[in-house]
Amino acid sequence: MLKHIIVPGLAALALAGCGEPPSSTNLTSNEAVTAEPLNAAEDGNAADTTNYSAAVLGLNDAQRNATFIRALQDAPLPCDHVDASTRIADQDGVPTWRVTCKGGTNYMISMPRNGVAKIISRTDR
């Protein structure tokens, strides 16, 4: 008996969602091409103009090392703790550091403007 009550109730709910949306949301093809996106005002959709290399250059040692540990863990590369980071010559015009992890593992990390770190393992140094 319960089955007979639930099935018609579900069917009624499913049909309630059917139908035409309000005419104010229907756009002609020309309007659709020139329409502003509904989420255009949201900050997350704006082009990111942050200069991440400048931001990293402005960090103190502890902040910079925390940034590098995060980049290494996201890679994912083995590094439990960044003991030191030393600025070295830029690589192709991009700020670069030699990063030493706990245990002596070394990496070179370059940080371009877009913030996507380039990490090179340095087992020879």
Protein backbone atom coordinates (compact mmCIF):
# COMPACT_ATOMS: atom_id res chain seq x y z
CA MET A 1 0.00 0.00 0.00
CA LEU A 2 2.84 2.40 0.83
CA LYS A 3 4.28 1.69 -2.62
CA HIS A 4 1.04 2.95 -4.20
CA ILE A 5 1.32 6.26 -2.33
CA ILE A 6 5.04 6.91 -2.98
CA VAL A 7 5.06 6.24 -6.74
CA PRO A 8 2.28 8.72 -7.63
CA GLY A 9 3.85 11.27 -5.26
CA LEU A 10 7.24 10.96 -6.99
CA ALA A 11 5.61 11.22 -10.38
CA ALA A 12 3.81 14.40 -9.31
CA LEU A 13 7.12 15.93 -8.10
CA ALA A 14 8.87 15.01 -11.34
CA LEU A 15 6.15 16.59 -13.43
CA ALA A 16 6.12 19.74 -11.30
CA GLY A 17 9.59 20.56 -12.62
CA CYS A 18 8.43 20.30 -16.22
CA GLY A 19 7.20 23.21 -18.22
CA GLU A 20 8.53 26.32 -19.84
CA PRO A 21 10.78 28.67 -17.90
CA PRO A 22 9.56 32.23 -17.54
CA SER A 23 9.71 34.11 -20.84
CA SER A 24 12.07 36.72 -19.33
CA THR A 25 14.92 34.15 -19.40
CA ASN A 26 14.36 33.13 -23.02
CA LEU A 27 16.80 34.92 -25.31
CA THR A 28 16.88 35.16 -29.05
CA SER A 29 20.08 33.90 -30.68
CA ASN A 30 21.30 37.48 -31.22
CA GLU A 31 20.63 38.36 -27.58
CA ALA A 32 22.42 35.23 -26.41
CA VAL A 33 25.55 36.14 -28.38
CA THR A 34 25.76 39.63 -26.88
CA ALA A 35 24.40 38.88 -23.40
CA GLU A 36 26.55 39.50 -20.34
CA PRO A 37 27.26 36.27 -18.41
CA LEU A 38 25.11 35.93 -15.31
CA ASN A 39 28.19 35.53 -13.13
CA ALA A 40 30.25 38.32 -14.74
CA ALA A 41 30.29 40.38 -11.56
CA GLU A 42 31.89 37.64 -9.49
CA ASP A 43 35.53 38.34 -8.63
CA GLY A 44 36.59 34.76 -9.34
CA ASN A 45 35.95 35.23 -13.05
CA ALA A 46 38.15 38.26 -13.50
CA ALA A 47 41.54 37.68 -15.11
CA ASP A 48 44.14 37.20 -12.38
CA THR A 49 46.71 39.96 -12.75
CA THR A 50 48.69 39.10 -9.62
CA ASN A 51 52.47 39.07 -10.12
CA TYR A 52 53.31 36.02 -8.03
CA SER A 53 57.07 36.25 -8.58
CA ALA A 54 57.03 39.76 -7.09
CA ALA A 55 54.89 38.51 -4.23
CA VAL A 56 57.35 35.71 -3.41
CA LEU A 57 60.26 38.13 -3.67
CA GLY A 58 58.54 40.26 -1.02
CA LEU A 59 58.15 37.42 1.49
CA ASN A 60 60.39 36.94 4.51
CA ASP A 61 62.37 33.68 4.80
CA ALA A 62 59.74 31.82 6.84
CA GLN A 63 56.89 32.83 4.51
CA ARG A 64 58.91 32.00 1.39
CA ASN A 65 59.91 28.59 2.80
CA ALA A 66 56.25 27.87 3.62
CA THR A 67 55.35 28.75 0.03
CA PHE A 68 58.05 26.42 -1.29
CA ILE A 69 57.04 23.50 0.95
CA ARG A 70 53.50 23.86 -0.38
CA ALA A 71 54.74 23.86 -3.98
CA LEU A 72 56.87 20.77 -3.32
CA GLN A 73 54.01 18.92 -1.63
CA ASP A 74 51.64 19.83 -4.45
CA ALA A 75 54.18 18.47 -6.99
CA PRO A 76 54.26 15.86 -5.09
CA LEU A 77 57.95 15.73 -4.22
CA PRO A 78 59.46 14.45 -0.98
CA CYS A 79 60.15 17.28 1.45
CA ASP A 80 58.97 17.33 5.06
CA HIS A 81 60.47 20.72 5.88
CA VAL A 82 62.32 23.46 3.99
CA ASP A 83 65.48 24.20 5.98
CA ALA A 84 66.70 26.98 3.68
CA SER A 85 66.03 28.79 0.44
CA THR A 86 68.75 30.81 -1.26
CA ARG A 87 68.16 33.15 -4.18
CA ILE A 88 70.29 32.17 -7.16
CA ALA A 89 70.63 33.56 -10.69
CA ASP A 90 67.34 33.96 -12.52
CA GLN A 91 66.50 31.23 -15.01
CA ASP A 92 65.22 32.72 -18.29
CA GLY A 93 64.42 35.95 -16.44
CA VAL A 94 62.40 34.16 -13.74
CA PRO A 95 63.34 34.50 -10.03
CA THR A 96 64.87 31.22 -8.84
CA TRP A 97 65.89 29.75 -5.49
CA ARG A 98 67.91 26.75 -4.34
CA VAL A 99 65.71 25.06 -1.76
CA THR A 100 67.17 22.65 0.80
CA CYS A 101 64.80 20.26 2.51
CA LYS A 102 65.28 18.51 5.83
CA GLY A 103 67.64 15.63 5.14
CA GLY A 104 69.59 17.54 2.50
CA THR A 105 67.43 17.08 -0.61
CA ASN A 106 67.84 20.09 -2.90
CA TYR A 107 65.53 21.56 -5.50
CA MET A 108 65.61 24.58 -7.75
CA ILE A 109 62.32 26.45 -7.74
CA SER A 110 61.53 29.18 -10.26
CA MET A 111 58.47 31.34 -9.66
CA PRO A 112 57.10 33.07 -12.79
CA ARG A 113 54.54 35.87 -12.74
CA ASN A 114 51.63 33.41 -13.16
CA GLY A 115 52.54 31.57 -9.94
CA VAL A 116 52.98 28.11 -11.47
CA ALA A 117 56.26 27.07 -9.87
CA LYS A 118 58.83 25.23 -11.95
CA ILE A 119 60.67 22.72 -9.76
CA ILE A 120 63.86 20.91 -10.72
CA SER A 121 65.35 18.17 -8.54
CA ARG A 122 68.96 18.87 -7.64
CA THR A 123 70.49 15.60 -6.47
CA ASP A 124 73.97 16.71 -7.58
CA ARG A 125 74.16 19.71 -5.20
